[in-house]
Structure formats: structure tokens, C-alpha cells
Protein backbone atom coordinates (compact mmCIF):
# COMPACT_ATOMS: atom_id res chain seq x y z
CA MET A 1 2.84 28.94 -7.62
CA VAL A 2 2.01 25.24 -7.17
CA ASP A 3 0.13 24.30 -4.03
CA THR A 4 1.88 21.90 -1.65
CA VAL A 5 -1.15 19.61 -1.78
CA GLN A 6 -0.73 19.29 -5.55
CA LEU A 7 2.92 18.33 -5.12
CA GLU A 8 2.06 15.81 -2.42
CA ALA A 9 -0.69 14.33 -4.60
CA ALA A 10 1.72 14.03 -7.54
CA ALA A 11 4.29 12.31 -5.34
CA PHE A 12 1.62 9.91 -4.03
CA ARG A 13 0.51 9.06 -7.57
CA ARG A 14 4.16 8.45 -8.52
CA LEU A 15 4.61 6.15 -5.50
CA LEU A 16 1.55 4.15 -6.50
CA ARG A 17 2.72 3.92 -10.11
CA HIS A 18 6.15 2.76 -8.93
CA LEU A 19 4.73 0.11 -6.58
CA ASN A 20 1.98 -1.16 -8.87
CA GLN A 21 3.38 -0.79 -12.37
CA ASP A 22 7.17 -0.57 -12.13
CA ARG A 23 7.66 -2.95 -9.17
CA PRO A 24 4.64 -5.22 -8.68
CA ASP A 25 7.21 -7.93 -7.88
CA VAL A 26 7.91 -6.26 -4.54
CA GLN A 27 5.69 -8.14 -2.12
CA ASN A 28 3.68 -6.38 0.56
CA ILE A 29 5.33 -8.51 3.24
CA ASP A 30 8.76 -7.30 2.09
CA LEU A 31 7.58 -3.70 2.29
CA MET A 32 6.29 -4.36 5.81
CA ILE A 33 9.59 -5.94 6.85
CA LEU A 34 11.74 -3.13 5.48
CA ALA A 35 9.55 -0.04 5.75
CA GLY A 36 6.79 -0.88 8.20
CA PHE A 37 4.02 -0.20 5.68
CA CYS A 38 2.63 -1.73 2.51
CA ARG A 39 0.06 -1.07 -0.19
CA ASN A 40 -2.72 -2.10 2.19
CA CYS A 41 -1.49 0.46 4.72
CA LEU A 42 -1.61 3.13 2.00
CA ALA A 43 -5.19 2.09 1.25
CA ASP A 44 -6.08 2.36 4.94
CA TRP A 45 -4.51 5.83 5.14
CA TYR A 46 -6.34 6.84 1.95
CA ARG A 47 -9.65 5.63 3.40
CA GLU A 48 -9.01 7.48 6.67
CA ALA A 49 -8.22 10.70 4.77
CA ALA A 50 -11.38 10.32 2.70
CA GLU A 51 -13.46 9.80 5.81
CA ALA A 52 -11.86 12.83 7.50
CA ALA A 53 -12.84 14.86 4.43
CA GLY A 54 -16.44 13.65 4.69
CA GLN A 55 -16.21 11.18 1.79
CA PRO A 56 -16.49 7.71 3.30
CA LEU A 57 -14.94 4.80 1.40
CA ASP A 58 -15.06 1.16 2.28
CA LYS A 59 -11.94 -1.00 2.45
CA ASP A 60 -12.44 -2.45 -1.04
CA GLN A 61 -12.90 1.00 -2.62
CA ALA A 62 -9.77 2.31 -0.93
CA ARG A 63 -7.72 -0.71 -1.99
CA GLU A 64 -8.91 -0.36 -5.57
CA ALA A 65 -7.86 3.31 -5.52
CA VAL A 66 -4.37 2.30 -4.34
CA TYR A 67 -3.88 -0.88 -6.38
CA GLY A 68 -5.49 0.47 -9.55
CA MET A 69 -7.71 -2.61 -9.77
CA PRO A 70 -9.75 -4.77 -7.42
CA PHE A 71 -7.49 -6.17 -4.70
CA ALA A 72 -8.41 -9.78 -5.49
CA GLU A 73 -7.30 -9.29 -9.10
CA TRP A 74 -3.99 -7.67 -8.06
CA LYS A 75 -3.40 -10.43 -5.53
CA ALA A 76 -4.02 -13.16 -8.13
CA ARG A 77 -1.65 -11.49 -10.59
CA HIS A 78 1.19 -10.41 -8.31
CA GLN A 79 1.10 -11.72 -4.76
CA ALA A 80 3.12 -14.81 -3.99
CA GLU A 81 2.67 -16.97 -0.92
CA ALA A 82 4.92 -15.73 1.88
CA THR A 83 7.95 -17.90 2.48
CA PRO A 84 8.89 -19.14 5.94
CA GLU A 85 11.86 -16.76 5.81
CA GLN A 86 9.61 -13.79 5.02
CA LEU A 87 7.22 -14.72 7.82
CA ALA A 88 10.09 -15.00 10.30
CA ALA A 89 11.54 -11.64 9.17
CA PHE A 90 8.08 -10.07 9.44
CA GLU A 91 7.66 -11.31 13.02
CA ALA A 92 11.15 -10.09 13.94
CA ALA A 93 10.40 -6.67 12.45
CA ARG A 94 7.08 -6.50 14.33
CA ARG A 95 8.82 -7.26 17.60
CA LYS A 96 11.49 -4.64 16.89
CA HIS A 97 9.02 -1.94 15.81
CA PRO A 98 5.67 -2.62 17.50
């Protein structure tokens, strides 16, 4: 029988593959607007889980684990400047879901 943790880990790896390989065009700000989290949030959660397990990671290590490369490299390759419309939608979403 497969352990639930193994299934959750497989689903997490699939989510990362989807976000970083299949859909790198989806901007973090759009994820924040629609879902209330982004790749950076996943990295923060990953870092918190590592720390809770006694394996401290810094922010850059956690982001590299989530992005599959150093964050600065991913940002240069895939992250566009936020548009005024995206910024306005982000602020509206933040007010709606603090």
C-alpha cells in the first residue's frame, strides 16, 4: 500500500512541473490574484516544512527547490513586469481576501 505522504509528494512534484515546465507563462501575480498563492508561497511553505522537520533552509534554497533553478535565473527567463491592470487586480484581491 502506498503511503499518503508519497502520494502528496508526487502531487506536489507534479504541481511544480506543471507551473515551471508546462506553464512558466503563468505569472506569479496572476496566481496570487486568482488563487491567493504563488510559487514564492510554495517556497515559503517548503522552507517552513523543512524547518519543522529540523532541516533549516534559507529563502534562496527553498526557492531553488520550488523553481528548479535559482530564482534570479527563473525570473530573468519567465517573469514579466506586472501591468497596471494586474497590480490593480492584485490589490483588489488582497482587499477581498486579506
